[in-house]
Amino acid sequence: MKRIATGALAAVAFCGVAQAAQITIYKQPHFKGESVTVKNGASDLAPLGITDQASSLVVHDGRWQVCTQPDFNGDCREIGPGKYATLDRSLNHRIESVRELDRTADRRDYRNDHDRGNLRGDRWHHDTASVELFNRPGFGGRSMRAHDDIADLRGSGFDERASSVVVNDGRWELCTRPDFRGRCAVLGPGRYPHIAQLDDSVSSLRQLR
């Protein structure tokens, strides 16, 4: 049984959008079982009948943030249009709130082959080179995005804390000491769920041009 959440249940409504973006959440993998379609966002999926039951989803339009706790708290991930037949362990049976991200802010052009299969297979490109750091393996926990070189991550909250990385575009050098010293690794566009080669101790990063 599919339901559509609008009005009061749409927690986030962005101005200037001609047509509301939608995401459909299914209780079983491969788009099976009961489902609910949300427009714009929902700060709590429990009233819609989804309580730690999300197993697959379809993003019809827009960029979305999905979180493991109500009110967009907990572990959050950013995803783009496509079909996600299965979810990885960080999200499977854990999603409790979803919202569309502002289309006017730092837009991504996601590439997908119409059916990604699962979130671990995502790859995208960005209109400007950027890299994202996550403080937990598998792109979990808090995140930080950088567009420019950072010679010293101290004071950013991410010094020696990055455990996984997403390179949206460009080639980036990540080093274990400030000023691009120590042990370094060069990463091209893609997703790196665990940067064990750097012992989770990134202290500086820069784009290679």
N, C-alpha and C. Protein backbone atom coordinates (compact mmCIF):
# COMPACT_ATOMS: atom_id res chain seq x y z
N MET A 1 0.85 -1.18 0.00
CA MET A 1 0.00 0.00 0.00
C MET A 1 0.89 1.23 0.00
N LYS A 2 0.72 2.07 -1.01
CA LYS A 2 1.54 3.27 -1.12
C LYS A 2 0.75 4.47 -0.62
N ARG A 3 1.42 5.30 0.16
CA ARG A 3 0.82 6.54 0.63
C ARG A 3 1.70 7.71 0.26
N ILE A 4 1.09 8.90 0.16
CA ILE A 4 1.84 10.10 -0.18
C ILE A 4 1.73 11.08 0.97
N ALA A 5 2.89 11.56 1.44
CA ALA A 5 2.93 12.51 2.54
C ALA A 5 3.10 13.91 1.98
N THR A 6 2.18 14.80 2.33
CA THR A 6 2.25 16.19 1.91
C THR A 6 1.80 17.06 3.07
N GLY A 7 1.69 18.35 2.83
CA GLY A 7 1.13 19.24 3.84
C GLY A 7 1.94 19.26 5.11
N ALA A 8 1.28 19.01 6.26
CA ALA A 8 1.94 19.12 7.56
C ALA A 8 3.06 18.12 7.72
N LEU A 9 2.97 16.98 7.04
CA LEU A 9 4.00 15.97 7.17
C LEU A 9 5.22 16.28 6.32
N ALA A 10 5.12 17.22 5.43
CA ALA A 10 6.28 17.63 4.66
C ALA A 10 7.04 18.66 5.46
N ALA A 11 8.09 18.21 6.12
CA ALA A 11 8.75 19.04 7.10
C ALA A 11 9.54 20.18 6.49
N VAL A 12 10.03 20.02 5.28
CA VAL A 12 10.85 21.05 4.67
C VAL A 12 10.27 21.39 3.32
N ALA A 13 9.90 22.65 3.09
CA ALA A 13 9.38 23.10 1.81
C ALA A 13 10.26 24.24 1.33
N PHE A 14 10.94 24.06 0.21
CA PHE A 14 11.85 25.05 -0.30
C PHE A 14 11.14 25.94 -1.31
N CYS A 15 11.35 27.24 -1.18
CA CYS A 15 10.70 28.20 -2.04
C CYS A 15 11.36 28.18 -3.42
N GLY A 16 10.58 28.55 -4.43
CA GLY A 16 11.12 28.70 -5.76
C GLY A 16 11.22 27.40 -6.53
N VAL A 17 10.67 26.32 -6.03
CA VAL A 17 10.69 25.03 -6.73
C VAL A 17 9.35 24.82 -7.39
N ALA A 18 9.36 24.68 -8.70
CA ALA A 18 8.09 24.61 -9.42
C ALA A 18 7.34 23.33 -9.10
N GLN A 19 8.06 22.25 -8.92
CA GLN A 19 7.41 20.97 -8.67
C GLN A 19 8.13 20.28 -7.53
N ALA A 20 7.36 19.79 -6.57
CA ALA A 20 7.96 19.17 -5.40
C ALA A 20 8.70 17.90 -5.78
N ALA A 21 9.91 17.76 -5.26
CA ALA A 21 10.66 16.53 -5.46
C ALA A 21 10.05 15.42 -4.60
N GLN A 22 10.27 14.17 -5.01
CA GLN A 22 9.68 13.05 -4.30
C GLN A 22 10.71 11.95 -4.08
N ILE A 23 10.50 11.23 -2.98
CA ILE A 23 11.27 10.02 -2.70
C ILE A 23 10.28 8.95 -2.23
N THR A 24 10.44 7.74 -2.74
CA THR A 24 9.58 6.62 -2.33
C THR A 24 10.40 5.62 -1.54
N ILE A 25 9.92 5.28 -0.36
CA ILE A 25 10.63 4.39 0.56
C ILE A 25 9.86 3.08 0.68
N TYR A 26 10.56 1.97 0.53
CA TYR A 26 9.94 0.64 0.59
C TYR A 26 10.41 -0.11 1.83
N LYS A 27 9.55 -0.95 2.36
CA LYS A 27 9.87 -1.71 3.55
C LYS A 27 10.69 -2.96 3.25
N GLN A 28 10.76 -3.35 1.99
CA GLN A 28 11.52 -4.54 1.63
C GLN A 28 12.51 -4.20 0.52
N PRO A 29 13.57 -4.98 0.40
CA PRO A 29 14.53 -4.74 -0.68
C PRO A 29 13.89 -4.89 -2.05
N HIS A 30 14.54 -4.32 -3.06
CA HIS A 30 14.11 -4.44 -4.45
C HIS A 30 12.70 -3.90 -4.67
N PHE A 31 12.36 -2.84 -3.91
CA PHE A 31 11.11 -2.09 -4.12
C PHE A 31 9.86 -2.94 -3.90
N LYS A 32 9.92 -3.78 -2.90
CA LYS A 32 8.79 -4.64 -2.56
C LYS A 32 8.20 -4.24 -1.21
N GLY A 33 7.02 -4.75 -0.94
CA GLY A 33 6.36 -4.47 0.34
C GLY A 33 5.67 -3.12 0.33
N GLU A 34 5.18 -2.72 1.49
CA GLU A 34 4.51 -1.44 1.61
C GLU A 34 5.51 -0.30 1.36
N SER A 35 4.97 0.81 0.88
CA SER A 35 5.84 1.94 0.58
C SER A 35 5.13 3.25 0.90
N VAL A 36 5.91 4.30 1.02
CA VAL A 36 5.37 5.64 1.22
C VAL A 36 6.16 6.59 0.36
N THR A 37 5.48 7.52 -0.29
CA THR A 37 6.13 8.54 -1.10
C THR A 37 6.06 9.88 -0.39
N VAL A 38 7.20 10.51 -0.22
CA VAL A 38 7.31 11.76 0.53
C VAL A 38 7.66 12.88 -0.44
N LYS A 39 6.97 14.00 -0.31
CA LYS A 39 7.28 15.20 -1.08
C LYS A 39 8.01 16.20 -0.19
N ASN A 40 9.13 16.69 -0.65
CA ASN A 40 9.92 17.71 0.03
C ASN A 40 10.64 17.19 1.27
N GLY A 41 9.93 16.54 2.18
CA GLY A 41 10.62 16.02 3.35
C GLY A 41 9.66 15.59 4.44
N ALA A 42 10.18 14.82 5.38
CA ALA A 42 9.42 14.39 6.57
C ALA A 42 10.41 14.29 7.72
N SER A 43 10.14 15.03 8.79
CA SER A 43 11.06 15.03 9.92
C SER A 43 10.95 13.77 10.77
N ASP A 44 9.90 12.99 10.56
CA ASP A 44 9.72 11.74 11.30
C ASP A 44 8.88 10.80 10.45
N LEU A 45 9.45 9.67 10.05
CA LEU A 45 8.74 8.73 9.19
C LEU A 45 7.79 7.82 9.95
N ALA A 46 7.87 7.82 11.28
CA ALA A 46 7.02 6.92 12.07
C ALA A 46 5.53 7.15 11.82
N PRO A 47 5.02 8.39 11.79
CA PRO A 47 3.59 8.59 11.52
C PRO A 47 3.16 8.10 10.14
N LEU A 48 4.12 7.90 9.25
CA LEU A 48 3.80 7.42 7.90
C LEU A 48 3.89 5.90 7.80
N GLY A 49 4.17 5.24 8.92
CA GLY A 49 4.22 3.79 8.94
C GLY A 49 5.59 3.21 8.65
N ILE A 50 6.63 4.07 8.63
CA ILE A 50 8.00 3.59 8.40
C ILE A 50 8.81 3.84 9.67
N THR A 51 9.04 2.78 10.43
CA THR A 51 9.83 2.89 11.66
C THR A 51 10.94 1.86 11.61
N ASP A 52 12.14 2.30 11.29
CA ASP A 52 13.29 1.38 11.16
C ASP A 52 12.97 0.22 10.23
N GLN A 53 12.29 0.54 9.11
CA GLN A 53 11.90 -0.52 8.18
C GLN A 53 12.36 -0.26 6.75
N ALA A 54 12.95 0.86 6.47
CA ALA A 54 13.33 1.19 5.10
C ALA A 54 14.40 0.22 4.59
N SER A 55 14.12 -0.43 3.47
CA SER A 55 15.06 -1.41 2.90
C SER A 55 15.46 -1.09 1.47
N SER A 56 14.69 -0.26 0.78
CA SER A 56 15.05 0.18 -0.58
C SER A 56 14.30 1.49 -0.83
N LEU A 57 14.76 2.24 -1.82
CA LEU A 57 14.11 3.52 -2.08
C LEU A 57 14.37 3.98 -3.51
N VAL A 58 13.52 4.90 -3.94
CA VAL A 58 13.63 5.52 -5.26
C VAL A 58 13.61 7.02 -5.08
N VAL A 59 14.64 7.70 -5.55
CA VAL A 59 14.66 9.15 -5.56
C VAL A 59 14.21 9.60 -6.94
N HIS A 60 13.02 10.19 -7.00
CA HIS A 60 12.45 10.58 -8.29
C HIS A 60 13.07 11.86 -8.83
N ASP A 61 13.47 12.74 -7.92
CA ASP A 61 13.99 14.03 -8.36
C ASP A 61 14.70 14.70 -7.19
N GLY A 62 15.67 15.53 -7.49
CA GLY A 62 16.33 16.33 -6.47
C GLY A 62 17.41 15.57 -5.70
N ARG A 63 18.10 16.31 -4.83
CA ARG A 63 19.09 15.76 -3.91
C ARG A 63 18.44 15.63 -2.55
N TRP A 64 18.65 14.50 -1.89
CA TRP A 64 17.98 14.21 -0.63
C TRP A 64 18.99 13.87 0.46
N GLN A 65 18.62 14.24 1.67
CA GLN A 65 19.36 13.83 2.86
C GLN A 65 18.51 12.81 3.60
N VAL A 66 19.07 11.65 3.90
CA VAL A 66 18.36 10.63 4.66
C VAL A 66 19.13 10.41 5.96
N CYS A 67 18.40 10.37 7.09
CA CYS A 67 19.04 10.32 8.40
C CYS A 67 18.48 9.18 9.24
N THR A 68 19.27 8.70 10.18
CA THR A 68 18.90 7.54 10.99
C THR A 68 18.13 7.91 12.25
N GLN A 69 17.88 9.20 12.48
CA GLN A 69 17.08 9.63 13.61
C GLN A 69 16.10 10.71 13.16
N PRO A 70 14.99 10.90 13.89
CA PRO A 70 14.06 11.96 13.52
C PRO A 70 14.72 13.34 13.56
N ASP A 71 14.07 14.29 12.91
CA ASP A 71 14.54 15.68 12.88
C ASP A 71 15.92 15.81 12.25
N PHE A 72 16.25 14.88 11.34
CA PHE A 72 17.47 14.95 10.54
C PHE A 72 18.73 14.88 11.39
N ASN A 73 18.66 14.03 12.41
CA ASN A 73 19.79 13.79 13.28
C ASN A 73 20.35 12.39 13.03
N GLY A 74 21.38 12.03 13.78
CA GLY A 74 22.00 10.72 13.63
C GLY A 74 22.95 10.70 12.45
N ASP A 75 23.14 9.54 11.86
CA ASP A 75 23.98 9.40 10.67
C ASP A 75 23.18 9.82 9.45
N CYS A 76 23.67 10.76 8.68
CA CYS A 76 22.96 11.27 7.51
C CYS A 76 23.78 11.03 6.26
N ARG A 77 23.09 10.76 5.17
CA ARG A 77 23.72 10.54 3.87
C ARG A 77 23.00 11.40 2.84
N GLU A 78 23.72 11.78 1.81
CA GLU A 78 23.19 12.61 0.73
C GLU A 78 23.13 11.76 -0.53
N ILE A 79 21.98 11.69 -1.18
CA ILE A 79 21.81 10.83 -2.35
C ILE A 79 21.08 11.60 -3.44
N GLY A 80 21.27 11.17 -4.68
CA GLY A 80 20.66 11.82 -5.82
C GLY A 80 19.68 10.91 -6.54
N PRO A 81 19.09 11.36 -7.65
CA PRO A 81 18.08 10.59 -8.36
C PRO A 81 18.57 9.21 -8.75
N GLY A 82 17.72 8.22 -8.59
CA GLY A 82 18.06 6.86 -8.97
C GLY A 82 17.27 5.85 -8.16
N LYS A 83 17.47 4.59 -8.46
CA LYS A 83 16.83 3.49 -7.76
C LYS A 83 17.86 2.77 -6.91
N TYR A 84 17.54 2.60 -5.63
CA TYR A 84 18.45 1.96 -4.68
C TYR A 84 17.78 0.67 -4.19
N ALA A 85 18.09 -0.44 -4.86
CA ALA A 85 17.40 -1.70 -4.59
C ALA A 85 17.71 -2.27 -3.22
N THR A 86 18.89 -1.96 -2.69
CA THR A 86 19.27 -2.37 -1.35
C THR A 86 20.02 -1.22 -0.70
N LEU A 87 20.03 -1.21 0.62
CA LEU A 87 20.74 -0.19 1.37
C LEU A 87 21.87 -0.84 2.15
N ASP A 88 22.98 -0.14 2.32
CA ASP A 88 24.07 -0.73 3.09
C ASP A 88 23.73 -0.71 4.58
N ARG A 89 24.57 -1.31 5.36
CA ARG A 89 24.27 -1.52 6.78
C ARG A 89 24.09 -0.22 7.55
N SER A 90 24.72 0.86 7.08
CA SER A 90 24.60 2.11 7.80
C SER A 90 23.21 2.72 7.70
N LEU A 91 22.42 2.28 6.71
CA LEU A 91 21.07 2.84 6.51
C LEU A 91 19.97 1.79 6.54
N ASN A 92 20.26 0.55 6.25
CA ASN A 92 19.21 -0.46 6.16
C ASN A 92 18.44 -0.59 7.48
N HIS A 93 17.12 -0.45 7.41
CA HIS A 93 16.25 -0.53 8.58
C HIS A 93 16.57 0.55 9.62
N ARG A 94 17.14 1.66 9.17
CA ARG A 94 17.53 2.70 10.13
C ARG A 94 17.01 4.09 9.78
N ILE A 95 16.58 4.33 8.56
CA ILE A 95 16.17 5.67 8.14
C ILE A 95 14.91 6.11 8.87
N GLU A 96 14.96 7.29 9.50
CA GLU A 96 13.82 7.80 10.26
C GLU A 96 13.39 9.20 9.84
N SER A 97 14.19 9.89 9.03
CA SER A 97 13.78 11.20 8.52
C SER A 97 14.45 11.45 7.19
N VAL A 98 13.78 12.19 6.31
CA VAL A 98 14.30 12.49 4.97
C VAL A 98 13.90 13.91 4.60
N ARG A 99 14.74 14.57 3.79
CA ARG A 99 14.37 15.89 3.29
C ARG A 99 15.15 16.19 2.01
N GLU A 100 14.48 16.96 1.14
CA GLU A 100 15.17 17.42 -0.06
C GLU A 100 16.12 18.54 0.33
N LEU A 101 17.29 18.55 -0.28
CA LEU A 101 18.26 19.61 -0.03
C LEU A 101 18.00 20.76 -0.99
N ASP A 102 18.35 21.94 -0.57
CA ASP A 102 18.11 23.16 -1.33
C ASP A 102 18.74 23.04 -2.72
N ARG A 103 17.93 23.18 -3.73
CA ARG A 103 18.43 23.01 -5.10
C ARG A 103 19.35 24.15 -5.52
N THR A 104 19.30 25.26 -4.83
CA THR A 104 20.13 26.39 -5.23
C THR A 104 21.52 26.33 -4.62
N ALA A 105 21.75 25.39 -3.71
CA ALA A 105 23.03 25.35 -2.99
C ALA A 105 23.91 24.23 -3.49
N ASP A 106 25.06 24.59 -4.06
CA ASP A 106 26.13 23.62 -4.36
C ASP A 106 25.60 22.37 -5.02
N ARG A 107 24.97 22.50 -6.18
CA ARG A 107 24.27 21.39 -6.81
C ARG A 107 25.24 20.36 -7.37
N ARG A 108 24.85 19.11 -7.28
CA ARG A 108 25.61 18.01 -7.85
C ARG A 108 24.88 17.48 -9.07
N ASP A 109 25.64 17.00 -10.02
CA ASP A 109 25.08 16.33 -11.17
C ASP A 109 25.40 14.85 -11.02
N TYR A 110 24.45 14.10 -10.53
CA TYR A 110 24.70 12.68 -10.25
C TYR A 110 24.61 11.87 -11.53
N ARG A 111 25.58 10.97 -11.70
CA ARG A 111 25.53 10.03 -12.80
C ARG A 111 25.06 8.69 -12.27
N ASN A 112 24.05 8.11 -12.95
CA ASN A 112 23.62 6.78 -12.55
C ASN A 112 23.13 6.05 -13.78
N ASP A 113 23.13 4.77 -13.71
CA ASP A 113 22.70 3.95 -14.83
C ASP A 113 21.26 3.49 -14.62
N HIS A 114 20.47 4.39 -14.04
CA HIS A 114 19.04 4.22 -13.79
C HIS A 114 18.76 3.29 -12.62
N ASP A 115 19.59 2.30 -12.42
CA ASP A 115 19.39 1.44 -11.26
C ASP A 115 20.75 1.18 -10.64
N ARG A 116 21.08 1.87 -9.53
CA ARG A 116 22.39 1.77 -8.93
C ARG A 116 22.60 0.41 -8.25
N GLY A 117 21.51 -0.20 -7.76
CA GLY A 117 21.65 -1.44 -7.03
C GLY A 117 21.79 -1.20 -5.54
N ASN A 118 22.75 -0.40 -5.09
CA ASN A 118 22.87 -0.09 -3.68
C ASN A 118 23.68 1.18 -3.50
N LEU A 119 23.63 1.74 -2.30
CA LEU A 119 24.27 3.03 -2.06
C LEU A 119 25.78 2.94 -2.14
N ARG A 120 26.36 1.78 -1.96
CA ARG A 120 27.81 1.66 -2.01
C ARG A 120 28.34 1.83 -3.42
N GLY A 121 27.46 1.76 -4.43
CA GLY A 121 27.91 1.89 -5.80
C GLY A 121 27.83 3.30 -6.34
N ASP A 122 27.44 4.27 -5.54
CA ASP A 122 27.30 5.63 -6.03
C ASP A 122 28.61 6.18 -6.56
N ARG A 123 28.50 6.94 -7.65
CA ARG A 123 29.60 7.75 -8.13
C ARG A 123 28.98 8.97 -8.77
N TRP A 124 29.64 10.13 -8.61
CA TRP A 124 29.09 11.34 -9.17
C TRP A 124 30.21 12.28 -9.52
N HIS A 125 29.84 13.35 -10.26
CA HIS A 125 30.82 14.40 -10.47
C HIS A 125 30.22 15.71 -10.02
N HIS A 126 31.06 16.70 -9.82
CA HIS A 126 30.65 17.96 -9.23
C HIS A 126 31.14 19.08 -10.13
N ASP A 127 30.40 20.21 -10.16
CA ASP A 127 30.78 21.28 -11.06
C ASP A 127 32.09 21.94 -10.64
N THR A 128 32.49 21.84 -9.39
CA THR A 128 33.80 22.28 -8.94
C THR A 128 34.41 21.14 -8.14
N ALA A 129 35.74 21.05 -8.20
CA ALA A 129 36.41 19.95 -7.51
C ALA A 129 36.16 20.04 -6.02
N SER A 130 35.86 18.92 -5.40
CA SER A 130 35.65 18.89 -3.96
C SER A 130 35.92 17.49 -3.43
N VAL A 131 36.18 17.43 -2.13
CA VAL A 131 36.40 16.16 -1.46
C VAL A 131 35.64 16.22 -0.14
N GLU A 132 35.08 15.10 0.28
CA GLU A 132 34.33 15.02 1.53
C GLU A 132 34.98 14.01 2.47
N LEU A 133 35.15 14.42 3.71
CA LEU A 133 35.71 13.55 4.74
C LEU A 133 34.61 13.13 5.70
N PHE A 134 34.63 11.88 6.13
CA PHE A 134 33.67 11.35 7.09
C PHE A 134 34.44 10.78 8.28
N ASN A 135 33.91 10.98 9.48
CA ASN A 135 34.66 10.54 10.66
C ASN A 135 34.35 9.10 11.07
N ARG A 136 33.62 8.38 10.22
CA ARG A 136 33.39 6.96 10.46
C ARG A 136 33.58 6.20 9.15
N PRO A 137 34.01 4.95 9.20
CA PRO A 137 34.11 4.16 7.97
C PRO A 137 32.74 4.03 7.30
N GLY A 138 32.75 3.80 6.01
CA GLY A 138 31.50 3.61 5.28
C GLY A 138 30.68 4.87 5.13
N PHE A 139 31.34 6.05 5.23
CA PHE A 139 30.68 7.33 5.02
C PHE A 139 29.64 7.64 6.08
N GLY A 140 29.91 7.22 7.29
CA GLY A 140 29.00 7.49 8.41
C GLY A 140 29.51 8.62 9.28
N GLY A 141 28.67 9.03 10.21
CA GLY A 141 29.04 10.06 11.16
C GLY A 141 29.04 11.45 10.58
N ARG A 142 29.82 12.34 11.19
CA ARG A 142 29.90 13.72 10.72
C ARG A 142 30.74 13.79 9.44
N SER A 143 30.47 14.82 8.65
CA SER A 143 31.21 14.98 7.40
C SER A 143 31.69 16.41 7.24
N MET A 144 32.68 16.57 6.40
CA MET A 144 33.25 17.88 6.10
C MET A 144 33.63 17.90 4.63
N ARG A 145 33.24 18.97 3.92
CA ARG A 145 33.58 19.11 2.51
C ARG A 145 34.63 20.19 2.34
N ALA A 146 35.59 19.94 1.47
CA ALA A 146 36.63 20.91 1.17
C ALA A 146 36.69 21.15 -0.33
N HIS A 147 36.77 22.42 -0.71
CA HIS A 147 36.95 22.80 -2.11
C HIS A 147 38.36 23.32 -2.36
N ASP A 148 39.05 23.70 -1.29
CA ASP A 148 40.38 24.28 -1.42
C ASP A 148 41.38 23.47 -0.60
N ASP A 149 42.66 23.73 -0.85
CA ASP A 149 43.71 23.06 -0.09
C ASP A 149 43.61 23.44 1.39
N ILE A 150 43.86 22.47 2.26
CA ILE A 150 43.89 22.72 3.71
C ILE A 150 45.22 22.18 4.23
N ALA A 151 46.09 23.10 4.61
CA ALA A 151 47.43 22.70 5.04
C ALA A 151 47.44 22.13 6.46
N ASP A 152 46.41 22.42 7.24
CA ASP A 152 46.37 21.95 8.63
C ASP A 152 44.92 21.81 9.05
N LEU A 153 44.50 20.61 9.35
CA LEU A 153 43.11 20.35 9.73
C LEU A 153 42.85 20.61 11.21
N ARG A 154 43.87 20.96 11.97
CA ARG A 154 43.64 21.26 13.37
C ARG A 154 42.69 22.45 13.50
N GLY A 155 41.75 22.34 14.38
CA GLY A 155 40.75 23.38 14.55
C GLY A 155 39.50 23.14 13.72
N SER A 156 39.56 22.19 12.79
CA SER A 156 38.39 21.89 11.96
C SER A 156 37.52 20.80 12.56
N GLY A 157 38.02 20.10 13.57
CA GLY A 157 37.30 18.97 14.13
C GLY A 157 37.55 17.67 13.39
N PHE A 158 38.39 17.74 12.33
CA PHE A 158 38.66 16.54 11.54
C PHE A 158 40.13 16.15 11.51
N ASP A 159 40.94 16.77 12.32
CA ASP A 159 42.35 16.41 12.35
C ASP A 159 42.51 14.99 12.88
N GLU A 160 43.08 14.12 12.06
CA GLU A 160 43.31 12.71 12.40
C GLU A 160 42.01 11.99 12.77
N ARG A 161 40.93 12.39 12.13
CA ARG A 161 39.65 11.74 12.41
C ARG A 161 38.97 11.19 11.16
N ALA A 162 39.45 11.53 9.98
CA ALA A 162 38.80 11.06 8.76
C ALA A 162 38.99 9.56 8.58
N SER A 163 37.89 8.84 8.44
CA SER A 163 37.96 7.39 8.28
C SER A 163 37.50 6.92 6.90
N SER A 164 36.75 7.76 6.20
CA SER A 164 36.33 7.43 4.84
C SER A 164 36.24 8.73 4.04
N VAL A 165 36.33 8.61 2.72
CA VAL A 165 36.44 9.79 1.86
C VAL A 165 35.63 9.59 0.59
N VAL A 166 35.03 10.67 0.12
CA VAL A 166 34.42 10.72 -1.20
C VAL A 166 35.10 11.83 -1.99
N VAL A 167 35.71 11.49 -3.11
CA VAL A 167 36.29 12.48 -4.01
C VAL A 167 35.28 12.74 -5.11
N ASN A 168 34.69 13.92 -5.11
CA ASN A 168 33.66 14.23 -6.10
C ASN A 168 34.25 14.53 -7.47
N ASP A 169 35.40 15.19 -7.48
CA ASP A 169 36.04 15.52 -8.75
C ASP A 169 37.49 15.89 -8.47
N GLY A 170 38.31 15.75 -9.49
CA GLY A 170 39.72 16.10 -9.34
C GLY A 170 40.53 14.99 -8.68
N ARG A 171 41.83 15.24 -8.54
CA ARG A 171 42.74 14.32 -7.84
C ARG A 171 43.24 15.04 -6.60
N TRP A 172 43.11 14.36 -5.45
CA TRP A 172 43.44 14.97 -4.17
C TRP A 172 44.53 14.18 -3.47
N GLU A 173 45.44 14.91 -2.83
CA GLU A 173 46.48 14.29 -2.03
C GLU A 173 46.14 14.49 -0.56
N LEU A 174 46.05 13.39 0.18
CA LEU A 174 45.76 13.42 1.61
C LEU A 174 47.00 12.96 2.36
N CYS A 175 47.39 13.71 3.39
CA CYS A 175 48.62 13.42 4.11
C CYS A 175 48.37 13.31 5.61
N THR A 176 49.23 12.57 6.28
CA THR A 176 49.05 12.29 7.70
C THR A 176 49.62 13.37 8.60
N ARG A 177 50.33 14.37 8.02
CA ARG A 177 50.88 15.46 8.81
C ARG A 177 50.53 16.79 8.16
N PRO A 178 50.52 17.88 8.93
CA PRO A 178 50.24 19.20 8.34
C PRO A 178 51.23 19.55 7.24
N ASP A 179 50.82 20.51 6.41
CA ASP A 179 51.67 21.02 5.32
C ASP A 179 52.02 19.93 4.31
N PHE A 180 51.12 18.96 4.16
CA PHE A 180 51.23 17.94 3.12
C PHE A 180 52.50 17.10 3.28
N ARG A 181 52.81 16.81 4.54
CA ARG A 181 53.98 15.98 4.85
C ARG A 181 53.51 14.67 5.47
N GLY A 182 54.46 13.83 5.81
CA GLY A 182 54.14 12.53 6.36
C GLY A 182 53.80 11.54 5.26
N ARG A 183 53.01 10.56 5.58
CA ARG A 183 52.58 9.57 4.59
C ARG A 183 51.40 10.13 3.82
N CYS A 184 51.46 10.10 2.50
CA CYS A 184 50.43 10.70 1.66
C CYS A 184 49.85 9.67 0.68
N ALA A 185 48.62 9.91 0.28
CA ALA A 185 47.97 9.07 -0.73
C ALA A 185 47.23 9.98 -1.69
N VAL A 186 47.28 9.66 -2.97
CA VAL A 186 46.58 10.42 -4.00
C VAL A 186 45.32 9.64 -4.39
N LEU A 187 44.18 10.30 -4.29
CA LEU A 187 42.89 9.67 -4.56
C LEU A 187 42.19 10.39 -5.71
N GLY A 188 41.71 9.62 -6.67
CA GLY A 188 40.92 10.18 -7.76
C GLY A 188 39.44 10.08 -7.47
N PRO A 189 38.57 10.53 -8.40
CA PRO A 189 37.13 10.51 -8.17
C PRO A 189 36.62 9.13 -7.79
N GLY A 190 35.82 9.06 -6.75
CA GLY A 190 35.27 7.79 -6.29
C GLY A 190 35.00 7.80 -4.81
N ARG A 191 34.62 6.66 -4.30
CA ARG A 191 34.25 6.50 -2.89
C ARG A 191 35.26 5.56 -2.22
N TYR A 192 35.75 5.97 -1.07
CA TYR A 192 36.75 5.21 -0.33
C TYR A 192 36.20 4.94 1.07
N PRO A 193 35.55 3.78 1.28
CA PRO A 193 34.85 3.53 2.54
C PRO A 193 35.75 3.39 3.76
N HIS A 194 37.05 3.13 3.54
CA HIS A 194 37.97 3.03 4.67
C HIS A 194 39.38 3.34 4.18
N ILE A 195 39.94 4.45 4.63
CA ILE A 195 41.28 4.85 4.17
C ILE A 195 42.34 4.30 5.13
N ALA A 196 42.40 2.99 5.20
CA ALA A 196 43.31 2.33 6.13
C ALA A 196 44.76 2.63 5.81
N GLN A 197 45.05 2.94 4.53
CA GLN A 197 46.44 3.21 4.16
C GLN A 197 46.99 4.46 4.84
N LEU A 198 46.09 5.30 5.36
CA LEU A 198 46.51 6.49 6.08
C LEU A 198 46.23 6.38 7.58
N ASP A 199 45.86 5.20 8.02
CA ASP A 199 45.62 4.95 9.45
C ASP A 199 44.61 5.93 10.04
N ASP A 200 43.66 6.36 9.23
CA ASP A 200 42.61 7.27 9.70
C ASP A 200 43.20 8.53 10.35
N SER A 201 44.31 9.02 9.82
CA SER A 201 45.00 10.14 10.47
C SER A 201 45.33 11.25 9.48
N VAL A 202 44.37 11.67 8.70
CA VAL A 202 44.58 12.75 7.73
C VAL A 202 44.70 14.08 8.46
N SER A 203 45.78 14.83 8.18
CA SER A 203 45.98 16.13 8.81
C SER A 203 46.08 17.28 7.81
N SER A 204 46.20 16.96 6.51
CA SER A 204 46.22 18.00 5.49
C SER A 204 45.80 17.39 4.17
N LEU A 205 45.30 18.22 3.27
CA LEU A 205 44.85 17.74 1.97
C LEU A 205 44.95 18.87 0.95
N ARG A 206 45.16 18.48 -0.30
CA ARG A 206 45.23 19.49 -1.37
C ARG A 206 44.86 18.85 -2.70
N GLN A 207 44.35 19.69 -3.58
CA GLN A 207 44.04 19.21 -4.93
C GLN A 207 45.28 19.27 -5.80
N LEU A 208 45.51 18.23 -6.57
CA LEU A 208 46.63 18.20 -7.50
C LEU A 208 46.16 18.74 -8.84
N ARG A 209 46.84 19.73 -9.36
CA ARG A 209 46.44 20.39 -10.60
C ARG A 209 47.47 20.16 -11.69
